[in-house]
């Protein structure tokens, strides 16, 4: 089972839910931190990193001695990553390139080749729980400073993962391409929000994105004792189940500030996260007609 934990905006508690859920499960589990622009799950789980891999994208390199400056490469590129200036010069803009290979395919002079460009890294490690028979396999990505494209790193994380294990994905915030890359082909999406007008606005956008992907979803309301009832009313209207509420609690805030897990600082929350997991399993089973 693959559960993606997402939100329409940052700061709702997405990583808090992902890390505590993964740590609570009484089985071997895998956590993928796909928020590659600002990964922070490792701050709470302290994994032992065992392997680092470079993630690269292929970008065009033009041999101007072969080029006839026909501009076909420039015309096919939807991202303006290549420009032909008169009959003398071809400029490439690697940061804009999406590595589609179209420029190479249309070049009549075979003047374009591909060279690798570093996008970032992924790191693989492991977290041992108190029970040594239960472990968390950990993978996160780090986008290089100055790079704009995070989906290739997210896809590399997803491809590296072991899909036979229960997998928790900490997705990036928002509803753009990186989020879609994190949620796509998962079994269930947990949307973490807060009971405020801003939280509701971004939650509604996230629900629309999940529905486009045709993935079942549920809501976790964080800091549920602050704000108003707007999220609960929206959930009832849209028939999206609220599976868990986490109150606005000073003790939780203290644990977070120290980099501690809720389930370690407040052990009574382990059963609540286990109940959340069982609710997800039940809803998936009902969808598949098992029960």
Protein backbone atom coordinates (compact mmCIF):
# COMPACT_ATOMS: atom_id res chain seq x y z
CA UNK A 1 0.00 0.00 0.00
CA UNK A 2 1.25 3.48 -0.93
CA UNK A 3 -0.11 6.44 1.03
CA UNK A 4 0.77 9.94 -0.12
CA UNK A 5 0.46 12.71 2.45
CA UNK A 6 -0.15 16.08 0.83
CA UNK A 7 -1.56 19.53 1.47
CA UNK A 8 -2.63 22.51 -0.57
CA UNK A 9 -0.20 24.75 1.31
CA UNK A 10 2.94 24.54 3.40
CA UNK A 11 3.01 24.55 7.18
CA UNK A 12 -0.09 22.46 7.81
CA UNK A 13 1.72 19.55 9.50
CA UNK A 14 2.19 17.23 6.56
CA UNK A 15 5.63 16.01 7.65
CA UNK A 16 4.37 15.62 11.23
CA UNK A 17 1.66 13.22 10.06
CA UNK A 18 3.97 11.35 7.67
CA UNK A 19 6.77 10.74 10.17
CA UNK A 20 4.53 9.84 13.12
CA UNK A 21 2.41 7.50 11.00
CA UNK A 22 5.49 5.71 9.67
CA UNK A 23 7.02 5.39 13.15
CA UNK A 24 3.75 4.08 14.65
CA UNK A 25 3.24 1.17 12.28
CA UNK A 26 4.16 -2.17 13.79
CA UNK A 27 5.70 -3.49 10.59
CA UNK A 28 8.53 -2.70 8.22
CA UNK A 29 7.65 0.48 6.40
CA UNK A 30 9.19 2.82 3.86
CA UNK A 31 9.15 6.63 4.06
CA UNK A 32 9.84 8.73 0.98
CA UNK A 33 10.39 12.45 1.51
CA UNK A 34 9.52 13.89 -1.90
CA UNK A 35 9.54 17.51 -0.77
CA UNK A 36 12.93 17.80 -2.45
CA UNK A 37 13.13 21.60 -2.33
CA UNK A 38 12.95 21.57 1.48
CA UNK A 39 13.16 18.00 2.84
CA UNK A 40 12.81 17.83 6.63
CA UNK A 41 11.53 14.36 7.55
CA UNK A 42 15.12 13.37 8.40
CA UNK A 43 15.15 15.96 11.19
CA UNK A 44 12.54 13.93 13.08
CA UNK A 45 13.61 10.40 12.12
CA UNK A 46 17.43 10.76 12.14
CA UNK A 47 18.11 8.08 9.53
CA UNK A 48 21.47 6.43 9.04
CA UNK A 49 22.28 7.37 5.43
CA UNK A 50 23.95 4.49 3.61
CA UNK A 51 23.97 5.59 -0.03
CA UNK A 52 23.89 8.79 -2.09
CA UNK A 53 22.99 8.90 -5.78
CA UNK A 54 23.30 11.75 -8.25
CA UNK A 55 20.24 12.65 -10.33
CA UNK A 56 20.97 14.09 -13.76
CA UNK A 57 18.99 15.27 -16.77
CA UNK A 58 20.20 15.16 -20.35
CA UNK A 59 20.37 18.55 -22.08
CA UNK A 60 21.38 19.48 -25.63
CA UNK A 61 24.89 20.39 -26.75
CA UNK A 62 25.15 21.85 -30.26
CA UNK A 63 28.11 21.31 -32.59
CA UNK A 64 27.98 24.57 -34.55
CA UNK A 65 30.44 23.21 -37.13
CA UNK A 66 27.70 20.81 -38.26
CA UNK A 67 24.71 23.10 -37.71
CA UNK A 68 23.00 24.70 -40.74
CA UNK A 69 21.02 27.08 -38.47
CA UNK A 70 17.67 25.90 -39.83
CA UNK A 71 15.90 26.68 -36.52
CA UNK A 72 13.97 23.39 -36.43
CA UNK A 73 15.31 22.68 -32.95
CA UNK A 74 14.14 26.09 -31.72
CA UNK A 75 10.70 25.68 -33.29
CA UNK A 76 10.00 22.32 -31.65
CA UNK A 77 11.08 23.39 -28.15
CA UNK A 78 8.03 24.46 -26.13
CA UNK A 79 10.21 25.62 -23.24
CA UNK A 80 12.48 28.03 -25.15
CA UNK A 81 15.53 26.07 -24.06
CA UNK A 82 17.32 26.54 -27.38
CA UNK A 83 17.64 29.62 -29.58
CA UNK A 84 19.20 30.09 -33.01
CA UNK A 85 20.58 33.58 -33.61
CA UNK A 86 20.92 34.29 -37.33
CA UNK A 87 23.40 32.08 -39.15
CA UNK A 88 26.16 32.16 -36.59
CA UNK A 89 25.20 31.10 -33.09
CA UNK A 90 22.99 28.66 -31.18
CA UNK A 91 22.29 29.31 -27.50
CA UNK A 92 21.09 26.61 -25.12
CA UNK A 93 19.45 27.23 -21.74
CA UNK A 94 19.88 24.03 -19.71
CA UNK A 95 17.77 25.27 -16.78
CA UNK A 96 14.72 25.46 -19.08
CA UNK A 97 15.27 22.10 -20.78
CA UNK A 98 12.84 19.27 -19.98
CA UNK A 99 15.02 16.57 -21.61
CA UNK A 100 12.39 15.53 -24.15
CA UNK A 101 14.96 14.91 -26.91
CA UNK A 102 12.84 16.69 -29.53
CA UNK A 103 15.67 18.93 -30.72
CA UNK A 104 17.88 15.92 -31.42
CA UNK A 105 15.07 14.15 -33.27
CA UNK A 106 14.40 17.00 -35.72
CA UNK A 107 18.00 18.11 -36.36
CA UNK A 108 18.73 17.27 -40.05
CA UNK A 109 22.50 17.58 -39.60
CA UNK A 110 22.90 15.40 -36.49
CA UNK A 111 24.48 18.43 -34.84
CA UNK A 112 22.88 17.99 -31.42
CA UNK A 113 24.04 15.55 -28.77
CA UNK A 114 23.07 15.18 -25.10
CA UNK A 115 25.20 15.94 -22.07
CA UNK A 116 24.27 15.31 -18.42
CA UNK A 117 23.31 18.14 -16.08
CA UNK A 118 23.11 17.60 -12.33
CA UNK A 119 19.68 18.26 -10.79
CA UNK A 120 20.32 17.02 -7.26
CA UNK A 121 20.77 13.89 -5.20
CA UNK A 122 18.78 11.21 -3.46
CA UNK A 123 19.91 9.64 -0.20
CA UNK A 124 18.94 6.19 1.06
CA UNK A 125 19.07 5.11 4.68
CA UNK A 126 17.32 3.33 7.50
CA UNK A 127 15.73 4.09 10.87
CA UNK A 128 15.62 1.44 13.57
CA UNK A 129 12.69 1.58 15.97
CA UNK A 130 12.72 0.36 19.56
CA UNK A 131 11.68 -3.06 18.29
CA UNK A 132 14.62 -4.14 16.08
CA UNK A 133 12.33 -6.35 13.98
CA UNK A 134 10.56 -3.20 12.73
CA UNK A 135 12.49 -0.75 10.63
CA UNK A 136 11.85 2.22 8.38
CA UNK A 137 13.58 2.34 5.02
CA UNK A 138 14.16 6.00 4.22
CA UNK A 139 14.70 7.85 0.93
CA UNK A 140 14.73 11.58 0.39
CA UNK A 141 15.87 13.91 -2.36
CA UNK A 142 17.69 17.22 -2.40
CA UNK A 143 17.31 19.61 -5.32
CA UNK A 144 20.54 21.43 -6.22
CA UNK A 145 20.56 25.14 -5.44
CA UNK A 146 19.50 27.11 -8.50
CA UNK A 147 17.70 24.24 -10.18
CA UNK A 148 14.02 24.60 -11.02
CA UNK A 149 12.87 21.11 -11.95
CA UNK A 150 12.09 18.83 -9.03
CA UNK A 151 9.86 16.18 -10.72
CA UNK A 152 12.84 14.19 -12.12
CA UNK A 153 14.22 13.79 -8.57
CA UNK A 154 10.80 12.79 -7.25
CA UNK A 155 10.44 10.22 -10.04
CA UNK A 156 13.89 8.83 -9.20
CA UNK A 157 12.84 8.45 -5.56
CA UNK A 158 9.63 6.68 -6.60
CA UNK A 159 11.50 4.34 -8.96
CA UNK A 160 14.11 3.49 -6.32
CA UNK A 161 11.45 2.61 -3.73
CA UNK A 162 10.38 -0.95 -2.93
CA UNK A 163 6.69 -1.03 -3.83
CA UNK A 164 6.17 -4.32 -2.01
CA UNK A 165 6.41 -2.50 1.34
CA UNK A 166 3.89 -0.23 3.01
CA UNK A 167 5.05 3.17 1.79
CA UNK A 168 4.42 6.63 3.22
CA UNK A 169 5.16 9.55 0.88
CA UNK A 170 5.71 13.05 2.26
CA UNK A 171 4.67 15.10 -0.77
CA UNK A 172 5.58 18.73 -1.49
CA UNK A 173 2.99 21.40 -0.62
CA UNK A 174 0.66 22.89 -3.23
CA UNK A 175 -0.97 21.40 -6.33
CA UNK A 176 1.70 21.82 -9.01
CA UNK A 177 3.75 19.29 -10.99
CA UNK A 178 5.94 18.10 -8.07
CA UNK A 179 2.82 17.27 -6.06
CA UNK A 180 1.27 15.35 -8.95
CA UNK A 181 4.51 13.38 -9.37
CA UNK A 182 4.36 12.45 -5.67
CA UNK A 183 0.65 11.51 -5.61
CA UNK A 184 0.36 9.76 -8.97
CA UNK A 185 -0.12 5.98 -8.84
CA UNK A 186 -0.60 5.89 -5.07
CA UNK A 187 -3.41 4.01 -3.34
CA UNK A 188 -4.61 6.75 -0.98
CA UNK A 189 -3.97 10.45 -0.37
CA UNK A 190 -4.15 12.00 3.09
CA UNK A 191 -4.72 15.75 2.86
CA UNK A 192 -3.47 17.63 5.91
CA UNK A 193 -5.11 20.99 6.57
CA UNK A 194 -5.91 23.48 9.30
CA UNK A 195 -9.37 24.90 10.18
CA UNK A 196 -8.89 28.39 8.76
CA UNK A 197 -10.13 30.16 5.61
CA UNK A 198 -6.62 29.89 4.12
CA UNK A 199 -6.51 26.18 4.98
CA UNK A 200 -9.93 25.61 3.41
CA UNK A 201 -9.03 27.45 0.21
CA UNK A 202 -5.91 25.39 -0.38
CA UNK A 203 -7.59 22.16 0.74
CA UNK A 204 -10.29 22.60 -1.88
CA UNK A 205 -7.62 22.97 -4.59
CA UNK A 206 -5.86 19.83 -3.35
CA UNK A 207 -9.11 17.83 -3.35
CA UNK A 208 -9.74 18.85 -6.96
CA UNK A 209 -6.24 17.69 -7.94
CA UNK A 210 -6.69 14.32 -6.22
CA UNK A 211 -10.05 13.80 -7.89
CA UNK A 212 -8.48 14.44 -11.29
CA UNK A 213 -6.09 11.58 -10.52
CA UNK A 214 -9.03 9.42 -9.35
CA UNK A 215 -7.37 8.50 -6.06
CA UNK A 216 -9.41 8.03 -2.85
CA UNK A 217 -8.59 10.56 -0.16
CA UNK A 218 -9.26 11.60 3.40
CA UNK A 219 -8.54 14.61 5.56
CA UNK A 220 -6.45 15.16 8.68
CA UNK A 221 -7.27 18.41 10.48
CA UNK A 222 -4.21 19.65 12.34
CA UNK A 223 -4.53 22.24 15.12
CA UNK A 224 -8.21 21.33 15.09
CA UNK A 225 -9.14 23.24 18.26
CA UNK A 226 -8.27 26.60 16.73
CA UNK A 227 -10.01 28.34 13.84
CA UNK A 228 -13.58 27.50 12.90
CA UNK A 229 -15.76 24.73 11.43
CA UNK A 230 -15.23 25.66 7.78
CA UNK A 231 -13.13 22.58 6.96
CA UNK A 232 -15.53 20.17 8.67
CA UNK A 233 -18.48 21.68 6.82
CA UNK A 234 -16.61 21.49 3.51
CA UNK A 235 -15.71 17.85 4.15
CA UNK A 236 -19.36 16.95 4.77
CA UNK A 237 -20.50 18.82 1.69
CA UNK A 238 -17.88 17.20 -0.57
CA UNK A 239 -18.21 13.78 1.14
CA UNK A 240 -14.50 13.61 1.95
CA UNK A 241 -13.98 11.79 5.28
CA UNK A 242 -12.16 13.44 8.16
CA UNK A 243 -10.03 10.56 9.43
CA UNK A 244 -8.12 12.28 12.23
CA UNK A 245 -8.00 15.53 14.19
CA UNK A 246 -4.88 16.71 16.02
CA UNK A 247 -5.61 19.45 18.58
CA UNK A 248 -3.71 22.67 19.06
CA UNK A 249 -1.57 21.43 21.95
CA UNK A 250 1.40 23.14 23.61
CA UNK A 251 3.04 19.76 24.31
CA UNK A 252 2.88 18.83 20.63
CA UNK A 253 4.41 22.19 19.72
CA UNK A 254 7.24 21.62 22.21
CA UNK A 255 7.99 18.18 20.77
CA UNK A 256 8.01 19.59 17.23
CA UNK A 257 10.35 22.42 18.22
CA UNK A 258 12.81 19.88 19.65
CA UNK A 259 12.62 17.69 16.55
CA UNK A 260 10.84 14.92 18.49
CA UNK A 261 8.00 12.76 17.22
CA UNK A 262 4.57 13.19 18.80
CA UNK A 263 4.31 9.45 19.42
CA UNK A 264 7.55 9.52 21.42
CA UNK A 265 6.76 12.64 23.45
CA UNK A 266 3.09 11.68 23.93
CA UNK A 267 2.86 7.86 23.61
CA UNK A 268 -0.94 7.87 23.72
CA UNK A 269 -0.90 9.19 20.16
CA UNK A 270 0.52 5.94 18.77
CA UNK A 271 -2.90 4.27 18.99
CA UNK A 272 -4.45 7.27 17.22
CA UNK A 273 -2.06 7.00 14.29
CA UNK A 274 -2.61 3.23 14.16
CA UNK A 275 -6.35 3.90 14.06
CA UNK A 276 -5.77 6.32 11.19
CA UNK A 277 -3.92 3.61 9.29
CA UNK A 278 -6.70 1.07 9.93
CA UNK A 279 -9.29 3.53 8.62
CA UNK A 280 -7.32 3.91 5.40
CA UNK A 281 -7.03 0.13 5.02
CA UNK A 282 -10.78 -0.28 5.61
CA UNK A 283 -11.70 2.35 3.03
CA UNK A 284 -9.42 0.78 0.44
CA UNK A 285 -10.87 -2.64 1.15
CA UNK A 286 -14.40 -1.29 0.73
CA UNK A 287 -13.42 0.33 -2.55
CA UNK A 288 -12.03 -2.96 -3.84
CA UNK A 289 -15.09 -4.86 -2.68
CA UNK A 290 -13.21 -6.96 -0.15
CA UNK A 291 -15.61 -6.18 2.70
